[in-house]
Structures are given as structure tokens and as C-alpha cells.
Amino acid sequence: MATTYDFSGVRHLVNVGGGNGALLTGILKAHPHLKGTLLDRPKVVERASPSLRELGLSGRCETVGGVF
């Protein structure tokens, strides 16, 4: 999806129920102009935050804990 969908008109992407953020991080890595928000339960996004830092995406991706 990261390479087949045209994200050129998108500036911010929200992944609701995004779990560990694998889909969102793949898209953000492929499209450096994008910013993102990962929304999932607090304990889930808490586990995703270290991966975002390690991938150098923490400045472009916010994690939000919540119930949707």
C-alpha cells in the first residue's frame, strides 16, 4: 500500500486501531512529506513509541491512546 497508493495530496495520515504502527510507519518511511497519528488503546501505543523513535519517525508521528 505504501508504494501503490498516491499519497501526494495527503499531508497528515491517521491510523485508527493501528496496533504497533507497522502500516503507518511503512507509509511514513516511503513518503517523507507525510506526518502521522497512530491511535489505539493506551497500552498498545505505549509499546509502539520505542519503534517510532528507533526508526527516526517520532518527530513525524504522534501516538494517541484512546478508545474508539
PDB file of N, CA and C in Angstrom:
ATOM      1  N   MET A   1       0.817  -1.181   0.000  1.00  0.00           N
ATOM      2  CA  MET A   1       0.000   0.000   0.000  1.00  0.00           C
ATOM      3  C   MET A   1       0.867   1.254   0.000  1.00  0.00           C
ATOM      4  N   ALA A   2       1.978   1.229   0.704  1.00  0.00           N
ATOM      5  CA  ALA A   2       2.829   2.412   0.815  1.00  0.00           C
ATOM      6  C   ALA A   2       3.349   2.877  -0.541  1.00  0.00           C
ATOM      7  N   THR A   3       3.534   1.960  -1.461  1.00  0.00           N
ATOM      8  CA  THR A   3       4.088   2.338  -2.761  1.00  0.00           C
ATOM      9  C   THR A   3       3.045   2.357  -3.873  1.00  0.00           C
ATOM     10  N   THR A   4       1.855   1.834  -3.631  1.00  0.00           N
ATOM     11  CA  THR A   4       0.854   1.782  -4.701  1.00  0.00           C
ATOM     12  C   THR A   4      -0.194   2.888  -4.618  1.00  0.00           C
ATOM     13  N   TYR A   5      -0.443   3.420  -3.449  1.00  0.00           N
ATOM     14  CA  TYR A   5      -1.437   4.483  -3.297  1.00  0.00           C
ATOM     15  C   TYR A   5      -0.759   5.841  -3.498  1.00  0.00           C
ATOM     16  N   ASP A   6      -1.441   6.761  -4.133  1.00  0.00           N
ATOM     17  CA  ASP A   6      -0.909   8.095  -4.366  1.00  0.00           C
ATOM     18  C   ASP A   6      -1.169   8.989  -3.145  1.00  0.00           C
ATOM     19  N   PHE A   7      -0.151   9.167  -2.333  1.00  0.00           N
ATOM     20  CA  PHE A   7      -0.241   9.995  -1.133  1.00  0.00           C
ATOM     21  C   PHE A   7       0.209  11.433  -1.391  1.00  0.00           C
ATOM     22  N   SER A   8       0.402  11.818  -2.635  1.00  0.00           N
ATOM     23  CA  SER A   8       0.961  13.136  -2.934  1.00  0.00           C
ATOM     24  C   SER A   8       0.077  14.277  -2.443  1.00  0.00           C
ATOM     25  N   GLY A   9      -1.225  14.103  -2.379  1.00  0.00           N
ATOM     26  CA  GLY A   9      -2.120  15.150  -1.906  1.00  0.00           C
ATOM     27  C   GLY A   9      -2.424  15.079  -0.426  1.00  0.00           C
ATOM     28  N   VAL A  10      -1.813  14.151   0.268  1.00  0.00           N
ATOM     29  CA  VAL A  10      -2.063  13.942   1.698  1.00  0.00           C
ATOM     30  C   VAL A  10      -0.921  14.564   2.497  1.00  0.00           C
ATOM     31  N   ARG A  11      -1.273  15.261   3.578  1.00  0.00           N
ATOM     32  CA  ARG A  11      -0.249  15.849   4.441  1.00  0.00           C
ATOM     33  C   ARG A  11      -0.169  15.156   5.796  1.00  0.00           C
ATOM     34  N   HIS A  12      -1.312  14.645   6.266  1.00  0.00           N
ATOM     35  CA  HIS A  12      -1.362  14.008   7.584  1.00  0.00           C
ATOM     36  C   HIS A  12      -2.262  12.780   7.495  1.00  0.00           C
ATOM     37  N   LEU A  13      -1.767  11.665   7.986  1.00  0.00           N
ATOM     38  CA  LEU A  13      -2.488  10.397   7.924  1.00  0.00           C
ATOM     39  C   LEU A  13      -2.747   9.904   9.341  1.00  0.00           C
ATOM     40  N   VAL A  14      -3.984   9.485   9.627  1.00  0.00           N
ATOM     41  CA  VAL A  14      -4.347   8.947  10.938  1.00  0.00           C
ATOM     42  C   VAL A  14      -4.668   7.473  10.779  1.00  0.00           C
ATOM     43  N   ASN A  15      -4.009   6.644  11.570  1.00  0.00           N
ATOM     44  CA  ASN A  15      -4.246   5.207  11.551  1.00  0.00           C
ATOM     45  C   ASN A  15      -4.998   4.851  12.827  1.00  0.00           C
ATOM     46  N   VAL A  16      -6.298   4.653  12.714  1.00  0.00           N
ATOM     47  CA  VAL A  16      -7.153   4.333  13.860  1.00  0.00           C
ATOM     48  C   VAL A  16      -7.133   2.824  14.062  1.00  0.00           C
ATOM     49  N   GLY A  17      -6.798   2.415  15.265  1.00  0.00           N
ATOM     50  CA  GLY A  17      -6.679   0.980  15.538  1.00  0.00           C
ATOM     51  C   GLY A  17      -5.434   0.414  14.880  1.00  0.00           C
ATOM     52  N   GLY A  18      -4.376   1.226  14.848  1.00  0.00           N
ATOM     53  CA  GLY A  18      -3.166   0.873  14.107  1.00  0.00           C
ATOM     54  C   GLY A  18      -2.210  -0.073  14.805  1.00  0.00           C
ATOM     55  N   GLY A  19      -2.564  -0.555  15.982  1.00  0.00           N
ATOM     56  CA  GLY A  19      -1.725  -1.543  16.665  1.00  0.00           C
ATOM     57  C   GLY A  19      -0.307  -1.051  16.887  1.00  0.00           C
ATOM     58  N   ASN A  20       0.666  -1.830  16.434  1.00  0.00           N
ATOM     59  CA  ASN A  20       2.066  -1.472  16.656  1.00  0.00           C
ATOM     60  C   ASN A  20       2.572  -0.425  15.677  1.00  0.00           C
ATOM     61  N   GLY A  21       1.739  -0.002  14.742  1.00  0.00           N
ATOM     62  CA  GLY A  21       2.109   1.061  13.817  1.00  0.00           C
ATOM     63  C   GLY A  21       2.848   0.601  12.578  1.00  0.00           C
ATOM     64  N   ALA A  22       2.879  -0.698  12.305  1.00  0.00           N
ATOM     65  CA  ALA A  22       3.640  -1.209  11.162  1.00  0.00           C
ATOM     66  C   ALA A  22       3.166  -0.615   9.837  1.00  0.00           C
ATOM     67  N   LEU A  23       1.870  -0.547   9.615  1.00  0.00           N
ATOM     68  CA  LEU A  23       1.356   0.018   8.372  1.00  0.00           C
ATOM     69  C   LEU A  23       1.701   1.499   8.268  1.00  0.00           C
ATOM     70  N   LEU A  24       1.451   2.239   9.328  1.00  0.00           N
ATOM     71  CA  LEU A  24       1.709   3.675   9.315  1.00  0.00           C
ATOM     72  C   LEU A  24       3.193   3.969   9.146  1.00  0.00           C
ATOM     73  N   THR A  25       4.060   3.251   9.835  1.00  0.00           N
ATOM     74  CA  THR A  25       5.496   3.506   9.695  1.00  0.00           C
ATOM     75  C   THR A  25       5.976   3.174   8.286  1.00  0.00           C
ATOM     76  N   GLY A  26       5.443   2.130   7.685  1.00  0.00           N
ATOM     77  CA  GLY A  26       5.818   1.811   6.309  1.00  0.00           C
ATOM     78  C   GLY A  26       5.449   2.930   5.356  1.00  0.00           C
ATOM     79  N   ILE A  27       4.279   3.500   5.549  1.00  0.00           N
ATOM     80  CA  ILE A  27       3.827   4.608   4.699  1.00  0.00           C
ATOM     81  C   ILE A  27       4.668   5.855   4.951  1.00  0.00           C
ATOM     82  N   LEU A  28       4.937   6.166   6.205  1.00  0.00           N
ATOM     83  CA  LEU A  28       5.734   7.343   6.533  1.00  0.00           C
ATOM     84  C   LEU A  28       7.164   7.225   5.997  1.00  0.00           C
ATOM     85  N   LYS A  29       7.741   6.041   6.064  1.00  0.00           N
ATOM     86  CA  LYS A  29       9.088   5.843   5.538  1.00  0.00           C
ATOM     87  C   LYS A  29       9.119   6.032   4.028  1.00  0.00           C
ATOM     88  N   ALA A  30       8.078   5.614   3.352  1.00  0.00           N
ATOM     89  CA  ALA A  30       8.026   5.720   1.887  1.00  0.00           C
ATOM     90  C   ALA A  30       7.673   7.125   1.405  1.00  0.00           C
ATOM     91  N   HIS A  31       7.081   7.933   2.285  1.00  0.00           N
ATOM     92  CA  HIS A  31       6.613   9.274   1.906  1.00  0.00           C
ATOM     93  C   HIS A  31       7.061  10.298   2.949  1.00  0.00           C
ATOM     94  N   PRO A  32       8.275  10.820   2.797  1.00  0.00           N
ATOM     95  CA  PRO A  32       8.842  11.720   3.811  1.00  0.00           C
ATOM     96  C   PRO A  32       8.074  13.015   4.043  1.00  0.00           C
ATOM     97  N   HIS A  33       7.176  13.390   3.145  1.00  0.00           N
ATOM     98  CA  HIS A  33       6.409  14.629   3.333  1.00  0.00           C
ATOM     99  C   HIS A  33       5.241  14.447   4.303  1.00  0.00           C
ATOM    100  N   LEU A  34       4.900  13.200   4.618  1.00  0.00           N
ATOM    101  CA  LEU A  34       3.745  12.914   5.475  1.00  0.00           C
ATOM    102  C   LEU A  34       4.066  13.010   6.958  1.00  0.00           C
ATOM    103  N   LYS A  35       3.054  13.395   7.708  1.00  0.00           N
ATOM    104  CA  LYS A  35       3.058  13.270   9.161  1.00  0.00           C
ATOM    105  C   LYS A  35       1.937  12.298   9.501  1.00  0.00           C
ATOM    106  N   GLY A  36       2.018  11.674  10.671  1.00  0.00           N
ATOM    107  CA  GLY A  36       1.012  10.685  11.019  1.00  0.00           C
ATOM    108  C   GLY A  36       0.615  10.702  12.471  1.00  0.00           C
ATOM    109  N   THR A  37      -0.535  10.098  12.722  1.00  0.00           N
ATOM    110  CA  THR A  37      -1.030   9.885  14.075  1.00  0.00           C
ATOM    111  C   THR A  37      -1.445   8.431  14.193  1.00  0.00           C
ATOM    112  N   LEU A  38      -0.944   7.767  15.205  1.00  0.00           N
ATOM    113  CA  LEU A  38      -1.310   6.387  15.499  1.00  0.00           C
ATOM    114  C   LEU A  38      -2.242   6.406  16.703  1.00  0.00           C
ATOM    115  N   LEU A  39      -3.459   5.930  16.504  1.00  0.00           N
ATOM    116  CA  LEU A  39      -4.463   5.905  17.574  1.00  0.00           C
ATOM    117  C   LEU A  39      -4.848   4.471  17.883  1.00  0.00           C
ATOM    118  N   ASP A  40      -4.648   4.090  19.113  1.00  0.00           N
ATOM    119  CA  ASP A  40      -5.074   2.771  19.582  1.00  0.00           C
ATOM    120  C   ASP A  40      -5.176   2.859  21.099  1.00  0.00           C
ATOM    121  N   ARG A  41      -5.492   1.752  21.729  1.00  0.00           N
ATOM    122  CA  ARG A  41      -5.598   1.746  23.190  1.00  0.00           C
ATOM    123  C   ARG A  41      -4.272   2.183  23.807  1.00  0.00           C
ATOM    124  N   PRO A  42      -4.320   2.829  24.966  1.00  0.00           N
ATOM    125  CA  PRO A  42      -3.106   3.374  25.577  1.00  0.00           C
ATOM    126  C   PRO A  42      -1.958   2.370  25.710  1.00  0.00           C
ATOM    127  N   LYS A  43      -2.222   1.186  26.165  1.00  0.00           N
ATOM    128  CA  LYS A  43      -1.152   0.189  26.338  1.00  0.00           C
ATOM    129  C   LYS A  43      -0.554  -0.234  24.997  1.00  0.00           C
ATOM    130  N   VAL A  44      -1.352  -0.214  23.951  1.00  0.00           N
ATOM    131  CA  VAL A  44      -0.876  -0.610  22.619  1.00  0.00           C
ATOM    132  C   VAL A  44       0.057   0.452  22.053  1.00  0.00           C
ATOM    133  N   VAL A  45      -0.357   1.714  22.078  1.00  0.00           N
ATOM    134  CA  VAL A  45       0.501   2.760  21.517  1.00  0.00           C
ATOM    135  C   VAL A  45       1.746   2.984  22.375  1.00  0.00           C
ATOM    136  N   GLU A  46       1.644   2.680  23.644  1.00  0.00           N
ATOM    137  CA  GLU A  46       2.807   2.776  24.523  1.00  0.00           C
ATOM    138  C   GLU A  46       3.918   1.846  24.025  1.00  0.00           C
ATOM    139  N   ARG A  47       3.548   0.680  23.541  1.00  0.00           N
ATOM    140  CA  ARG A  47       4.528  -0.280  23.006  1.00  0.00           C
ATOM    141  C   ARG A  47       5.046   0.139  21.634  1.00  0.00           C
ATOM    142  N   ALA A  48       4.288   0.932  20.898  1.00  0.00           N
ATOM    143  CA  ALA A  48       4.695   1.353  19.561  1.00  0.00           C
ATOM    144  C   ALA A  48       5.693   2.507  19.604  1.00  0.00           C
ATOM    145  N   SER A  49       5.663   3.312  20.636  1.00  0.00           N
ATOM    146  CA  SER A  49       6.503   4.513  20.709  1.00  0.00           C
ATOM    147  C   SER A  49       7.998   4.238  20.564  1.00  0.00           C
ATOM    148  N   PRO A  50       8.565   3.219  21.220  1.00  0.00           N
ATOM    149  CA  PRO A  50      10.004   2.962  21.047  1.00  0.00           C
ATOM    150  C   PRO A  50      10.377   2.639  19.595  1.00  0.00           C
ATOM    151  N   SER A  51       9.537   1.930  18.899  1.00  0.00           N
ATOM    152  CA  SER A  51       9.819   1.610  17.497  1.00  0.00           C
ATOM    153  C   SER A  51       9.849   2.864  16.643  1.00  0.00           C
ATOM    154  N   LEU A  52       8.932   3.775  16.907  1.00  0.00           N
ATOM    155  CA  LEU A  52       8.901   5.027  16.157  1.00  0.00           C
ATOM    156  C   LEU A  52      10.186   5.824  16.383  1.00  0.00           C
ATOM    157  N   ARG A  53      10.665   5.834  17.621  1.00  0.00           N
ATOM    158  CA  ARG A  53      11.919   6.530  17.923  1.00  0.00           C
ATOM    159  C   ARG A  53      13.091   5.872  17.204  1.00  0.00           C
ATOM    160  N   GLU A  54      13.154   4.535  17.260  1.00  0.00           N
ATOM    161  CA  GLU A  54      14.249   3.801  16.627  1.00  0.00           C
ATOM    162  C   GLU A  54      14.281   4.027  15.117  1.00  0.00           C
ATOM    163  N   LEU A  55      13.115   4.156  14.496  1.00  0.00           N
ATOM    164  CA  LEU A  55      13.029   4.374  13.053  1.00  0.00           C
ATOM    165  C   LEU A  55      13.208   5.840  12.666  1.00  0.00           C
ATOM    166  N   GLY A  56      13.367   6.701  13.662  1.00  0.00           N
ATOM    167  CA  GLY A  56      13.542   8.120  13.392  1.00  0.00           C
ATOM    168  C   GLY A  56      12.261   8.820  12.974  1.00  0.00           C
ATOM    169  N   LEU A  57      11.118   8.255  13.347  1.00  0.00           N
ATOM    170  CA  LEU A  57       9.828   8.803  12.949  1.00  0.00           C
ATOM    171  C   LEU A  57       9.083   9.515  14.072  1.00  0.00           C
ATOM    172  N   SER A  58       9.639   9.547  15.254  1.00  0.00           N
ATOM    173  CA  SER A  58       8.900  10.131  16.383  1.00  0.00           C
ATOM    174  C   SER A  58       8.606  11.612  16.175  1.00  0.00           C
ATOM    175  N   GLY A  59       9.411  12.312  15.402  1.00  0.00           N
ATOM    176  CA  GLY A  59       9.155  13.713  15.121  1.00  0.00           C
ATOM    177  C   GLY A  59       8.057  13.935  14.096  1.00  0.00           C
ATOM    178  N   ARG A  60       7.703  12.872  13.376  1.00  0.00           N
ATOM    179  CA  ARG A  60       6.667  12.969  12.345  1.00  0.00           C
ATOM    180  C   ARG A  60       5.419  12.176  12.677  1.00  0.00           C
ATOM    181  N   CYS A  61       5.452  11.439  13.784  1.00  0.00           N
ATOM    182  CA  CYS A  61       4.314  10.585  14.107  1.00  0.00           C
ATOM    183  C   CYS A  61       3.968  10.702  15.589  1.00  0.00           C
ATOM    184  N   GLU A  62       2.747  11.090  15.846  1.00  0.00           N
ATOM    185  CA  GLU A  62       2.231  11.219  17.203  1.00  0.00           C
ATOM    186  C   GLU A  62       1.484   9.942  17.567  1.00  0.00           C
ATOM    187  N   THR A  63       1.607   9.509  18.803  1.00  0.00           N
ATOM    188  CA  THR A  63       0.801   8.390  19.273  1.00  0.00           C
ATOM    189  C   THR A  63      -0.253   8.922  20.224  1.00  0.00           C
ATOM    190  N   VAL A  64      -1.473   8.411  20.076  1.00  0.00           N
ATOM    191  CA  VAL A  64      -2.585   8.845  20.911  1.00  0.00           C
ATOM    192  C   VAL A  64      -3.264   7.601  21.460  1.00  0.00           C
ATOM    193  N   GLY A  65      -3.327   7.520  22.785  1.00  0.00           N
ATOM    194  CA  GLY A  65      -4.022   6.426  23.422  1.00  0.00           C
ATOM    195  C   GLY A  65      -5.478   6.804  23.638  1.00  0.00           C
ATOM    196  N   GLY A  66      -6.354   5.931  23.226  1.00  0.00           N
ATOM    197  CA  GLY A  66      -7.779   6.209  23.389  1.00  0.00           C
ATOM    198  C   GLY A  66      -8.620   5.010  23.030  1.00  0.00           C
ATOM    199  N   VAL A  67      -9.900   5.153  23.219  1.00  0.00           N
ATOM    200  CA  VAL A  67     -10.854   4.112  22.882  1.00  0.00           C
ATOM    201  C   VAL A  67     -11.714   4.666  21.750  1.00  0.00           C
ATOM    202  N   PHE A  68     -11.791   3.923  20.680  1.00  0.00           N
ATOM    203  CA  PHE A  68     -12.504   4.431  19.502  1.00  0.00           C
ATOM    204  C   PHE A  68     -13.768   3.679  19.243  1.00  0.00           C
TER     205      PHE A  68
END
